[in-house]
Amino acid sequence: MINEDYHKLLTEIIDINVEVTSIVDSRRLILELNERESILLKLKENILRDIRMAESNFLKDKAAVRKKYSMNQKSGFTDIIRGRSKNKLIRELKQLDSSSKTNIGDLKELRYMIDDLIVQFENLKDPVNKSMRNKFGN
């Protein structure tokens, strides 16, 4: 899934009415929070899978770049004219590393946001549960 899709889903999940005026509203809120929390856990699993896939793709691409330049081990006049293949290799590896770090960093940031939202949902549920217990005497 693309990072923008994750952000859209998170904004939809965050949009929740937390005002409670009755016991019915309290139960609705708790059910809604539980449902959204399970969605967040599934999203977190997907993000972890995407992170592992991005790391795997990075290693595959890195190996392909190294292989491409190891096969072009030419020296002499053509190497001087075209530019050093070692310099091209380093430049391409740095570019690959930079794009990979950006992508993986964005996914990790999303994972941290989801963890934070799960904690916030738990913090929202606690007072509602306590107030319901106080009303029913449990």
Protein backbone atom coordinates (compact mmCIF):
# COMPACT_ATOMS: atom_id res chain seq x y z
CA MET A 1 0.00 0.00 0.00
CA ILE A 2 1.17 3.51 -0.75
CA ASN A 3 2.01 5.87 2.14
CA GLU A 4 -0.76 8.29 1.09
CA ASP A 5 -3.30 5.46 1.37
CA TYR A 6 -2.10 4.74 4.89
CA HIS A 7 -2.45 8.42 5.79
CA LYS A 8 -6.02 8.52 4.41
CA LEU A 9 -6.97 5.44 6.43
CA LEU A 10 -5.44 6.91 9.57
CA THR A 11 -7.36 10.17 9.16
CA GLU A 12 -10.59 8.19 8.74
CA ILE A 13 -9.83 6.15 11.85
CA ILE A 14 -9.01 9.26 13.90
CA ASP A 15 -12.30 10.94 13.01
CA ILE A 16 -14.43 9.76 15.93
CA ASN A 17 -17.03 11.41 18.14
CA VAL A 18 -15.81 11.02 21.71
CA GLU A 19 -18.60 12.95 23.43
CA VAL A 20 -20.52 10.71 25.78
CA THR A 21 -23.85 11.84 27.25
CA SER A 22 -25.46 8.53 28.05
CA ILE A 23 -24.69 4.89 28.73
CA VAL A 24 -25.67 4.06 25.16
CA ASP A 25 -23.12 6.57 23.89
CA SER A 26 -20.51 5.06 26.21
CA ARG A 27 -21.10 1.58 24.87
CA ARG A 28 -21.08 2.87 21.29
CA LEU A 29 -17.80 4.65 21.89
CA ILE A 30 -16.15 1.61 23.44
CA LEU A 31 -17.31 -0.63 20.58
CA GLU A 32 -16.13 1.90 18.03
CA LEU A 33 -12.76 2.26 19.71
CA ASN A 34 -12.31 -1.53 19.86
CA GLU A 35 -13.19 -1.83 16.18
CA ARG A 36 -10.80 0.93 15.18
CA GLU A 37 -8.09 -0.52 17.38
CA SER A 38 -8.36 -3.86 15.57
CA ILE A 39 -8.11 -2.02 12.24
CA LEU A 40 -4.99 -0.25 13.51
CA LEU A 41 -3.42 -3.56 14.50
CA LYS A 42 -4.06 -4.94 11.01
CA LEU A 43 -2.58 -1.78 9.48
CA LYS A 44 0.47 -2.15 11.70
CA GLU A 45 0.95 -5.72 10.44
CA ASN A 46 0.69 -4.48 6.85
CA ILE A 47 3.19 -1.73 7.50
CA LEU A 48 5.64 -4.16 9.10
CA ARG A 49 5.27 -6.39 6.05
CA ASP A 50 5.86 -3.40 3.75
CA ILE A 51 8.97 -2.44 5.73
CA ARG A 52 10.41 -5.94 5.37
CA MET A 53 9.56 -5.97 1.67
CA ALA A 54 11.19 -2.55 1.14
CA GLU A 55 14.33 -3.71 2.96
CA SER A 56 14.41 -6.89 0.87
CA ASN A 57 13.94 -4.95 -2.36
CA PHE A 58 16.74 -2.59 -1.35
CA LEU A 59 19.13 -5.51 -0.83
CA LYS A 60 18.12 -7.06 -4.17
CA ASP A 61 18.56 -3.76 -6.01
CA LYS A 62 21.90 -3.18 -4.31
CA ALA A 63 23.11 -6.63 -5.39
CA ALA A 64 21.91 -5.98 -8.94
CA VAL A 65 23.81 -2.67 -9.11
CA ARG A 66 26.97 -4.28 -7.78
CA LYS A 67 26.63 -7.11 -10.28
CA LYS A 68 26.07 -4.66 -13.14
CA TYR A 69 29.28 -2.81 -12.37
CA SER A 70 31.34 -5.89 -11.59
CA MET A 71 30.61 -7.18 -15.09
CA ASN A 72 31.80 -3.91 -16.59
CA GLN A 73 35.31 -4.18 -15.13
CA LYS A 74 37.07 -2.44 -17.98
CA SER A 75 40.16 -0.43 -17.57
CA GLY A 76 42.14 1.75 -19.80
CA PHE A 77 41.17 4.35 -22.33
CA THR A 78 37.39 3.61 -22.43
CA ASP A 79 37.21 3.84 -18.66
CA ILE A 80 38.77 7.29 -18.76
CA ILE A 81 36.41 8.52 -21.49
CA ARG A 82 33.19 7.15 -19.97
CA GLY A 83 34.14 7.97 -16.43
CA ARG A 84 35.22 5.62 -13.73
CA SER A 85 32.76 2.81 -13.23
CA LYS A 86 33.64 2.79 -9.54
CA ASN A 87 32.46 6.40 -9.23
CA LYS A 88 29.24 5.54 -11.06
CA LEU A 89 28.75 2.55 -8.78
CA ILE A 90 29.19 4.67 -5.65
CA ARG A 91 26.85 7.35 -6.97
CA GLU A 92 24.16 4.83 -7.89
CA LEU A 93 24.47 3.02 -4.55
CA LYS A 94 24.17 6.32 -2.64
CA GLN A 95 21.08 7.26 -4.62
CA LEU A 96 19.55 3.83 -4.01
CA ASP A 97 20.38 4.04 -0.30
CA SER A 98 18.89 7.50 0.01
CA SER A 99 15.58 6.57 -1.64
CA SER A 100 15.37 3.38 0.40
CA LYS A 101 16.00 5.20 3.70
CA THR A 102 13.32 7.75 2.85
CA ASN A 103 10.73 5.09 2.00
CA ILE A 104 11.52 2.89 5.01
CA GLY A 105 11.67 5.94 7.29
CA ASP A 106 8.20 7.03 6.19
CA LEU A 107 6.83 3.56 6.87
CA LYS A 108 8.45 3.44 10.31
CA GLU A 109 6.96 6.85 11.10
CA LEU A 110 3.53 5.48 10.19
CA ARG A 111 4.13 2.51 12.49
CA TYR A 112 4.95 4.87 15.36
CA MET A 113 1.82 6.91 14.64
CA ILE A 114 -0.28 3.74 14.80
CA ASP A 115 1.33 2.73 18.10
CA ASP A 116 0.55 6.18 19.47
CA LEU A 117 -3.06 5.98 18.29
CA ILE A 118 -3.51 2.59 19.95
CA VAL A 119 -2.27 4.05 23.24
CA GLN A 120 -4.58 7.05 22.84
CA PHE A 121 -7.57 4.77 22.20
CA GLU A 122 -6.74 2.80 25.33
CA ASN A 123 -6.51 6.05 27.29
CA LEU A 124 -9.94 7.06 25.95
CA LYS A 125 -11.52 3.74 26.90
CA ASP A 126 -10.33 3.77 30.52
CA PRO A 127 -12.38 6.76 31.77
CA VAL A 128 -15.47 5.60 29.88
CA ASN A 129 -15.19 2.11 31.37
CA LYS A 130 -14.68 3.56 34.87
CA SER A 131 -17.71 5.82 34.58
CA MET A 132 -19.86 2.91 33.41
CA ARG A 133 -18.63 0.78 36.33
CA ASN A 134 -19.45 3.59 38.76
CA LYS A 135 -22.97 3.93 37.35
CA PHE A 136 -23.66 0.19 37.49
CA GLY A 137 -21.73 -0.45 40.69
CA ASN A 138 -19.41 -3.15 39.21
